[in-house]
């Protein structure tokens, strides 16, 4: 069992739910950095729908049930996790928090839940898995076969056992909100960017300056087998490889090369779920990239039941929009085996590092425990659509 969550620092005690971390992070982070984390694509239709769809379902609790033996332990790929949720992959986490990927991974390891390291991260994958050996790795596949093989070999050599391939990015999403907030990748030096940083001195000194002094300028470390572009540059462009031509044969290539567990992320159509299974996927994550790719794409919670029915022999997971313990339980009742949460843990890391992430994990874990008791169940296996009423 994971160790009990320690008492959070005093400044974290007023934060009572995951949404509270967003308001605190808005006050802490420079406008471009916060805009990158909170933003989505175009008109934010999918971002809003990812939350709104949970309101379509009411919970139907059972009463006078002995719930004194309840446990939220969840098994996935033969591993028993302490809770049915993990930390979703988030690029540039080390820009919003000092050593952001490592503090999230360590907090997850300590809590007994998985964390997925993003391929757009700024800390070497080898350093992250050394700090938290249960971490998964998420890849954006390069556009050329030889670069795919080289990346997979590096991921395997680092010691990762679970690879998550994100497949909903043939082109980059239209993230107008990033531009309006003054964010680009790489960041381009400007007076506006400097003033935004100076307006948040705690972040400037505690995250950016501290990183520069101890580790040098952050680079995209894990997009390829070799090091990528720096995060701050006047002329260097981020390494975006053309992916428009990638197809199911590319996933077959990955399956032949990768000997560990293979999870495909970004599935919203049951036809694609079946194709992923046919091409060797060991599990799926139903996701619309948290609203950051195709604006107006169906919310994962709405797509979930059909996908579970299409591949009932595979573990189906879900991300996008989960903020409460009741959200976790609704997704599990609709067939998800596990869920992943992103932005709130990024905000938590930015505010208080590993202690902030541990506090956020503890809040969600306590909600799941309390909600299970009030729903009248002792194990997650008891959940089914019978506990839901569709409005």
Protein backbone atom coordinates (compact mmCIF):
# COMPACT_ATOMS: atom_id res chain seq x y z
CA UNK A 1 0.00 0.00 0.00
CA UNK A 2 1.26 3.55 -0.71
CA UNK A 3 2.29 5.68 2.24
CA UNK A 4 -0.31 7.98 3.73
CA UNK A 5 -0.41 11.45 2.19
CA UNK A 6 1.43 13.88 4.49
CA UNK A 7 -0.21 17.06 5.76
CA UNK A 8 0.00 19.54 2.85
CA UNK A 9 1.85 22.85 3.23
CA UNK A 10 -0.22 25.62 4.76
CA UNK A 11 -0.73 27.42 1.47
CA UNK A 12 -2.36 24.31 0.00
CA UNK A 13 -4.92 23.76 2.74
CA UNK A 14 -7.49 26.19 1.28
CA UNK A 15 -7.45 24.14 -1.96
CA UNK A 16 -10.33 21.72 -1.48
CA UNK A 17 -10.92 20.28 -4.95
CA UNK A 18 -9.12 19.97 -8.29
CA UNK A 19 -10.76 23.08 -9.76
CA UNK A 20 -9.23 25.19 -6.99
CA UNK A 21 -5.76 24.56 -8.40
CA UNK A 22 -6.61 26.32 -11.66
CA UNK A 23 -7.42 29.64 -9.97
CA UNK A 24 -4.25 29.42 -7.88
CA UNK A 25 -2.13 28.62 -10.94
CA UNK A 26 -3.62 31.55 -12.84
CA UNK A 27 -2.26 33.85 -10.13
CA UNK A 28 1.14 32.12 -10.11
CA UNK A 29 2.02 31.45 -13.76
CA UNK A 30 2.90 34.02 -16.44
CA UNK A 31 0.06 34.64 -18.83
CA UNK A 32 1.60 32.74 -21.81
CA UNK A 33 2.40 29.65 -19.71
CA UNK A 34 -1.00 29.52 -18.06
CA UNK A 35 -2.63 30.12 -21.44
CA UNK A 36 -0.79 27.15 -22.91
CA UNK A 37 -1.89 24.80 -20.12
CA UNK A 38 -5.53 25.88 -19.89
CA UNK A 39 -6.15 26.52 -23.57
CA UNK A 40 -7.65 24.29 -26.21
CA UNK A 41 -8.45 24.62 -29.92
CA UNK A 42 -10.47 27.28 -31.73
CA UNK A 43 -13.77 27.99 -29.90
CA UNK A 44 -13.17 25.53 -27.02
CA UNK A 45 -16.28 23.55 -27.91
CA UNK A 46 -14.70 20.19 -27.09
CA UNK A 47 -13.05 21.56 -23.96
CA UNK A 48 -16.43 22.70 -22.62
CA UNK A 49 -18.25 19.56 -23.74
CA UNK A 50 -15.69 17.34 -22.00
CA UNK A 51 -16.98 18.72 -18.70
CA UNK A 52 -20.62 19.28 -19.59
CA UNK A 53 -21.24 15.67 -20.65
CA UNK A 54 -20.78 14.41 -17.08
CA UNK A 55 -23.94 16.32 -16.17
CA UNK A 56 -25.90 14.09 -18.54
CA UNK A 57 -25.73 11.35 -15.92
CA UNK A 58 -27.14 11.28 -12.42
CA UNK A 59 -26.01 8.68 -9.91
CA UNK A 60 -28.47 6.14 -8.47
CA UNK A 61 -27.14 5.12 -5.02
CA UNK A 62 -28.05 2.03 -3.06
CA UNK A 63 -28.68 2.41 0.68
CA UNK A 64 -28.24 0.29 3.82
CA UNK A 65 -25.21 -1.40 2.29
CA UNK A 66 -22.27 -2.32 4.52
CA UNK A 67 -19.49 -0.31 2.85
CA UNK A 68 -16.91 -0.72 5.61
CA UNK A 69 -14.76 -2.96 3.37
CA UNK A 70 -14.59 -0.65 0.38
CA UNK A 71 -11.43 -0.35 -1.68
CA UNK A 72 -10.66 1.68 -4.78
CA UNK A 73 -7.79 -0.53 -5.88
CA UNK A 74 -7.85 -1.11 -9.62
CA UNK A 75 -5.97 -3.71 -11.67
CA UNK A 76 -4.56 -2.82 -15.07
CA UNK A 77 -2.18 -4.95 -17.15
CA UNK A 78 -1.62 -7.22 -14.16
CA UNK A 79 -0.65 -4.37 -11.82
CA UNK A 80 -2.78 -3.37 -8.84
CA UNK A 81 -2.95 0.41 -8.54
CA UNK A 82 -4.13 2.14 -5.38
CA UNK A 83 -6.74 4.22 -7.26
CA UNK A 84 -8.45 3.97 -10.66
CA UNK A 85 -6.92 7.19 -11.97
CA UNK A 86 -3.50 8.35 -13.15
CA UNK A 87 -1.75 11.45 -14.45
CA UNK A 88 -2.22 12.12 -18.17
CA UNK A 89 0.70 13.15 -20.40
CA UNK A 90 1.23 16.91 -20.54
CA UNK A 91 3.92 18.56 -22.63
CA UNK A 92 6.15 21.33 -21.26
CA UNK A 93 5.34 20.49 -17.63
CA UNK A 94 8.86 21.56 -16.65
CA UNK A 95 8.05 25.05 -17.89
CA UNK A 96 5.15 25.53 -15.47
CA UNK A 97 6.88 23.84 -12.50
CA UNK A 98 10.51 23.27 -11.58
CA UNK A 99 11.37 19.72 -12.77
CA UNK A 100 7.64 19.37 -13.40
CA UNK A 101 7.71 15.93 -15.03
CA UNK A 102 9.82 14.48 -12.22
CA UNK A 103 7.72 15.91 -9.38
CA UNK A 104 4.53 14.58 -11.00
CA UNK A 105 6.09 11.17 -11.60
CA UNK A 106 7.43 10.94 -8.05
CA UNK A 107 4.11 11.96 -6.53
CA UNK A 108 2.33 9.36 -8.66
CA UNK A 109 4.82 6.66 -7.70
CA UNK A 110 4.42 7.50 -4.02
CA UNK A 111 0.62 7.39 -4.31
CA UNK A 112 0.62 4.09 -6.21
CA UNK A 113 -0.87 5.42 -9.46
CA UNK A 114 0.63 5.63 -12.99
CA UNK A 115 1.93 8.80 -14.62
CA UNK A 116 2.41 9.09 -18.39
CA UNK A 117 5.44 11.12 -19.49
CA UNK A 118 4.72 13.26 -22.54
CA UNK A 119 6.83 13.01 -25.68
CA UNK A 120 6.81 16.84 -25.65
CA UNK A 121 8.50 16.94 -22.25
CA UNK A 122 11.57 19.01 -21.38
CA UNK A 123 13.32 16.54 -19.05
CA UNK A 124 15.16 13.50 -20.40
CA UNK A 125 13.04 10.36 -20.18
CA UNK A 126 15.97 8.55 -18.57
CA UNK A 127 15.96 11.01 -15.66
CA UNK A 128 12.20 10.71 -15.14
CA UNK A 129 12.06 6.92 -15.07
CA UNK A 130 15.08 6.82 -12.76
CA UNK A 131 13.04 8.88 -10.28
CA UNK A 132 9.80 6.88 -10.81
CA UNK A 133 10.26 3.43 -12.42
CA UNK A 134 6.51 2.81 -12.92
CA UNK A 135 6.15 5.77 -15.30
CA UNK A 136 4.66 5.15 -18.76
CA UNK A 137 5.92 6.93 -21.89
CA UNK A 138 3.71 8.65 -24.46
CA UNK A 139 5.09 9.08 -27.99
CA UNK A 140 4.21 11.33 -30.89
CA UNK A 141 5.54 9.17 -33.69
CA UNK A 142 8.11 10.81 -35.98
CA UNK A 143 7.29 10.95 -39.66
CA UNK A 144 10.02 8.56 -40.86
CA UNK A 145 10.27 4.83 -40.14
CA UNK A 146 13.92 4.91 -39.11
CA UNK A 147 13.26 7.70 -36.60
CA UNK A 148 10.34 5.73 -35.16
CA UNK A 149 12.58 2.70 -34.63
CA UNK A 150 15.30 4.82 -33.04
CA UNK A 151 12.83 6.44 -30.64
CA UNK A 152 11.33 3.07 -29.65
CA UNK A 153 14.80 1.67 -29.01
CA UNK A 154 15.60 4.61 -26.76
CA UNK A 155 12.32 4.24 -24.82
CA UNK A 156 12.97 0.51 -24.31
CA UNK A 157 16.58 1.13 -23.35
CA UNK A 158 15.48 3.66 -20.73
CA UNK A 159 13.40 0.94 -19.05
CA UNK A 160 9.80 1.91 -19.86
CA UNK A 161 7.44 -1.05 -19.94
CA UNK A 162 4.30 0.70 -21.22
CA UNK A 163 4.26 2.78 -24.42
CA UNK A 164 1.33 5.07 -25.20
CA UNK A 165 1.11 6.08 -28.86
CA UNK A 166 -1.01 9.17 -29.48
CA UNK A 167 -2.70 8.92 -32.88
CA UNK A 168 -4.97 11.98 -33.13
CA UNK A 169 -2.31 14.41 -34.41
CA UNK A 170 -1.93 14.12 -38.21
CA UNK A 171 -1.48 17.92 -38.03
CA UNK A 172 -1.22 20.36 -35.14
CA UNK A 173 -4.47 21.71 -33.71
CA UNK A 174 -5.50 25.32 -34.32
CA UNK A 175 -4.68 26.70 -30.88
CA UNK A 176 -5.55 30.35 -31.39
CA UNK A 177 -5.76 30.83 -27.63
CA UNK A 178 -2.03 30.13 -27.31
CA UNK A 179 -1.24 32.93 -29.73
CA UNK A 180 -3.60 35.33 -27.99
CA UNK A 181 -1.86 34.56 -24.68
CA UNK A 182 1.55 35.20 -26.23
CA UNK A 183 2.64 31.55 -26.30
CA UNK A 184 4.51 29.80 -29.11
CA UNK A 185 6.80 26.78 -29.38
CA UNK A 186 9.58 27.60 -29.08
CA UNK A 187 8.95 30.76 -27.08
CA UNK A 188 10.35 33.77 -28.88
CA UNK A 189 12.18 36.45 -26.86
CA UNK A 190 10.24 39.70 -26.77
CA UNK A 191 9.51 42.63 -24.48
CA UNK A 192 6.02 41.28 -23.88
CA UNK A 193 7.36 37.88 -22.86
CA UNK A 194 9.86 39.50 -20.51
CA UNK A 195 7.18 41.64 -18.88
CA UNK A 196 4.89 38.61 -18.47
CA UNK A 197 7.72 36.81 -16.65
CA UNK A 198 8.58 39.79 -14.45
CA UNK A 199 4.92 40.04 -13.43
CA UNK A 200 5.24 36.59 -11.81
CA UNK A 201 8.52 36.83 -9.82
CA UNK A 202 7.90 33.65 -7.82
CA UNK A 203 7.66 31.62 -11.03
CA UNK A 204 10.51 33.55 -12.65
CA UNK A 205 12.93 32.84 -9.81
CA UNK A 206 11.61 29.51 -8.55
CA UNK A 207 11.04 27.80 -11.88
CA UNK A 208 12.64 29.47 -14.90
CA UNK A 209 15.78 31.02 -13.40
CA UNK A 210 16.35 28.01 -11.15
CA UNK A 211 16.11 25.72 -14.17
CA UNK A 212 18.54 27.83 -16.21
CA UNK A 213 21.10 27.94 -13.41
CA UNK A 214 20.97 24.23 -12.58
CA UNK A 215 20.16 22.57 -15.90
CA UNK A 216 20.63 25.11 -18.68
CA UNK A 217 18.08 26.11 -21.29
CA UNK A 218 15.27 23.50 -21.51
CA UNK A 219 15.03 21.57 -24.76
CA UNK A 220 12.46 19.19 -26.21
CA UNK A 221 14.21 16.10 -24.93
CA UNK A 222 11.98 13.17 -25.88
CA UNK A 223 10.37 13.78 -29.25
CA UNK A 224 13.06 11.73 -30.98
CA UNK A 225 16.00 9.52 -30.13
CA UNK A 226 18.15 12.66 -30.16
CA UNK A 227 17.73 15.99 -28.39
CA UNK A 228 15.32 18.47 -29.95
CA UNK A 229 15.01 22.25 -30.12
CA UNK A 230 15.40 24.64 -27.17
CA UNK A 231 12.22 26.02 -25.62
CA UNK A 232 13.37 29.65 -25.94
CA UNK A 233 14.75 30.67 -29.31
CA UNK A 234 14.55 33.56 -31.71
CA UNK A 235 15.11 31.46 -34.84
CA UNK A 236 14.97 27.68 -34.15
CA UNK A 237 11.66 26.00 -34.96
CA UNK A 238 10.28 23.11 -32.94
CA UNK A 239 10.85 19.71 -34.53
CA UNK A 240 7.47 18.97 -36.10
CA UNK A 241 7.76 15.98 -38.43
CA UNK A 242 5.08 15.53 -41.06
CA UNK A 243 2.63 12.86 -39.87
CA UNK A 244 -0.10 13.23 -42.48
CA UNK A 245 1.02 10.03 -44.22
CA UNK A 246 1.08 7.77 -41.14
CA UNK A 247 -1.40 4.89 -41.19
CA UNK A 248 -2.25 1.60 -39.54
CA UNK A 249 0.85 0.07 -41.09
CA UNK A 250 2.81 2.49 -38.89
CA UNK A 251 1.18 1.04 -35.79
CA UNK A 252 2.02 -2.43 -37.07
CA UNK A 253 5.66 -1.32 -37.37
CA UNK A 254 5.55 -0.10 -33.76
CA UNK A 255 4.07 -3.41 -32.62
CA UNK A 256 6.82 -5.38 -34.32
CA UNK A 257 9.54 -3.27 -32.73
CA UNK A 258 8.06 -2.66 -29.26
CA UNK A 259 8.10 -5.66 -26.90
CA UNK A 260 6.33 -4.05 -23.95
CA UNK A 261 2.69 -3.07 -23.44
CA UNK A 262 1.26 -0.95 -26.26
CA UNK A 263 -1.57 1.51 -25.58
CA UNK A 264 -3.18 3.57 -28.34
CA UNK A 265 -4.44 7.00 -27.27
CA UNK A 266 -6.86 9.24 -29.16
CA UNK A 267 -9.56 6.72 -30.13
CA UNK A 268 -13.12 8.08 -30.50
CA UNK A 269 -14.65 5.71 -33.08
CA UNK A 270 -15.40 2.02 -32.45
CA UNK A 271 -14.13 1.19 -35.95
CA UNK A 272 -10.72 2.57 -35.00
CA UNK A 273 -10.87 0.69 -31.72
CA UNK A 274 -11.24 -2.59 -33.61
CA UNK A 275 -8.43 -1.67 -36.00
CA UNK A 276 -6.15 -0.81 -33.09
CA UNK A 277 -6.83 -4.22 -31.58
CA UNK A 278 -6.16 -5.93 -34.92
CA UNK A 279 -2.81 -4.13 -35.16
CA UNK A 280 -1.61 -5.27 -31.76
CA UNK A 281 -2.80 -2.73 -29.20
CA UNK A 282 -2.94 -4.05 -25.64
CA UNK A 283 -5.21 -1.24 -24.47
CA UNK A 284 -6.90 1.97 -25.60
CA UNK A 285 -7.33 5.46 -24.20
CA UNK A 286 -10.52 7.15 -25.39
CA UNK A 287 -9.51 10.79 -25.74
CA UNK A 288 -10.05 13.96 -27.77
CA UNK A 289 -6.69 15.38 -26.63
CA UNK A 290 -8.46 17.40 -23.91
CA UNK A 291 -10.04 19.54 -26.63
CA UNK A 292 -6.67 20.60 -28.04
CA UNK A 293 -6.96 19.06 -31.52
CA UNK A 294 -10.24 18.89 -33.49
CA UNK A 295 -12.61 21.40 -31.92
CA UNK A 296 -16.09 19.92 -31.82
CA UNK A 297 -14.82 16.34 -31.56
CA UNK A 298 -17.11 14.12 -29.49
CA UNK A 299 -16.44 14.05 -25.75
CA UNK A 300 -14.71 10.81 -24.67
CA UNK A 301 -17.41 10.03 -22.11
CA UNK A 302 -20.02 10.00 -24.90
CA UNK A 303 -17.88 7.78 -27.13
CA UNK A 304 -16.87 5.42 -24.34
CA UNK A 305 -19.78 2.90 -24.24
CA UNK A 306 -19.64 2.09 -27.97
CA UNK A 307 -15.89 1.61 -27.87
CA UNK A 308 -16.07 -0.64 -24.81
CA UNK A 309 -18.71 -2.75 -26.61
CA UNK A 310 -16.56 -2.93 -29.75
CA UNK A 311 -13.45 -4.27 -27.98
CA UNK A 312 -14.73 -5.88 -24.81
CA UNK A 313 -11.58 -8.01 -24.56
CA UNK A 314 -9.25 -4.98 -24.23
CA UNK A 315 -8.84 -2.61 -21.27
CA UNK A 316 -10.37 0.69 -22.33
CA UNK A 317 -9.25 3.81 -20.50
CA UNK A 318 -10.38 7.44 -20.80
CA UNK A 319 -9.15 10.99 -20.28
CA UNK A 320 -10.44 14.53 -20.82
CA UNK A 321 -12.68 16.47 -18.45
CA UNK A 322 -12.44 14.50 -15.21
CA UNK A 323 -12.36 16.75 -12.15
CA UNK A 324 -14.34 14.96 -9.41
CA UNK A 325 -14.57 11.56 -7.80
CA UNK A 326 -18.09 11.27 -9.19
CA UNK A 327 -16.66 11.83 -12.69
CA UNK A 328 -14.28 8.92 -12.13
CA UNK A 329 -17.10 6.64 -11.02
CA UNK A 330 -19.38 7.65 -13.91
CA UNK A 331 -16.65 6.79 -16.42
CA UNK A 332 -16.02 3.44 -14.74
CA UNK A 333 -19.76 2.69 -14.66
CA UNK A 334 -19.83 3.24 -18.44
CA UNK A 335 -17.08 0.69 -18.93
CA UNK A 336 -13.73 2.45 -18.52
CA UNK A 337 -11.15 0.39 -16.67
CA UNK A 338 -9.11 3.44 -15.71
CA UNK A 339 -9.08 7.21 -16.21
CA UNK A 340 -6.39 9.87 -16.54
CA UNK A 341 -6.43 13.49 -15.36
CA UNK A 342 -4.15 16.19 -16.76
CA UNK A 343 -4.36 19.92 -16.19
CA UNK A 344 -5.13 19.94 -12.42
CA UNK A 345 -1.93 18.01 -11.64
CA UNK A 346 0.06 20.41 -13.81
CA UNK A 347 -1.41 23.34 -11.89
CA UNK A 348 -0.70 21.60 -8.58
CA UNK A 349 2.95 21.07 -9.52
CA UNK A 350 3.33 24.71 -10.52
CA UNK A 351 2.06 25.91 -7.14
CA UNK A 352 3.88 23.56 -4.77
CA UNK A 353 5.88 20.96 -6.65
CA UNK A 354 5.62 17.36 -5.50
CA UNK A 355 3.66 18.35 -2.38
CA UNK A 356 1.08 20.07 -4.57
CA UNK A 357 0.63 17.04 -6.79
CA UNK A 358 0.40 14.75 -3.74
CA UNK A 359 -2.29 17.02 -2.29
CA UNK A 360 -4.28 16.96 -5.55
CA UNK A 361 -4.03 13.16 -5.77
CA UNK A 362 -5.17 12.89 -2.16
CA UNK A 363 -8.19 15.11 -2.74
CA UNK A 364 -9.39 13.06 -5.72
CA UNK A 365 -8.67 9.77 -3.96
CA UNK A 366 -10.67 10.88 -0.92
CA UNK A 367 -13.57 11.91 -3.14
CA UNK A 368 -13.62 8.51 -4.84
CA UNK A 369 -13.62 6.79 -1.44
CA UNK A 370 -16.42 8.95 -0.06
CA UNK A 371 -18.49 8.66 -3.24
CA UNK A 372 -18.16 4.87 -3.26
CA UNK A 373 -19.55 4.77 0.28
CA UNK A 374 -22.50 6.98 -0.60
CA UNK A 375 -23.14 5.05 -3.81
CA UNK A 376 -23.27 1.82 -1.81
CA UNK A 377 -20.36 -0.18 -3.27
CA UNK A 378 -17.26 -1.83 -1.82
CA UNK A 379 -15.30 -2.40 -5.03
CA UNK A 380 -15.07 -0.78 -8.42
CA UNK A 381 -16.04 -4.07 -10.04
CA UNK A 382 -19.58 -3.53 -8.75
CA UNK A 383 -20.05 -0.47 -10.95
CA UNK A 384 -22.32 -0.76 -13.99
CA UNK A 385 -24.71 1.45 -15.97
CA UNK A 386 -27.41 0.47 -13.44
CA UNK A 387 -25.89 3.06 -11.11
CA UNK A 388 -26.54 5.82 -13.67
CA UNK A 389 -29.67 7.64 -14.80
CA UNK A 390 -29.46 9.47 -18.11
CA UNK A 391 -31.10 12.89 -17.93
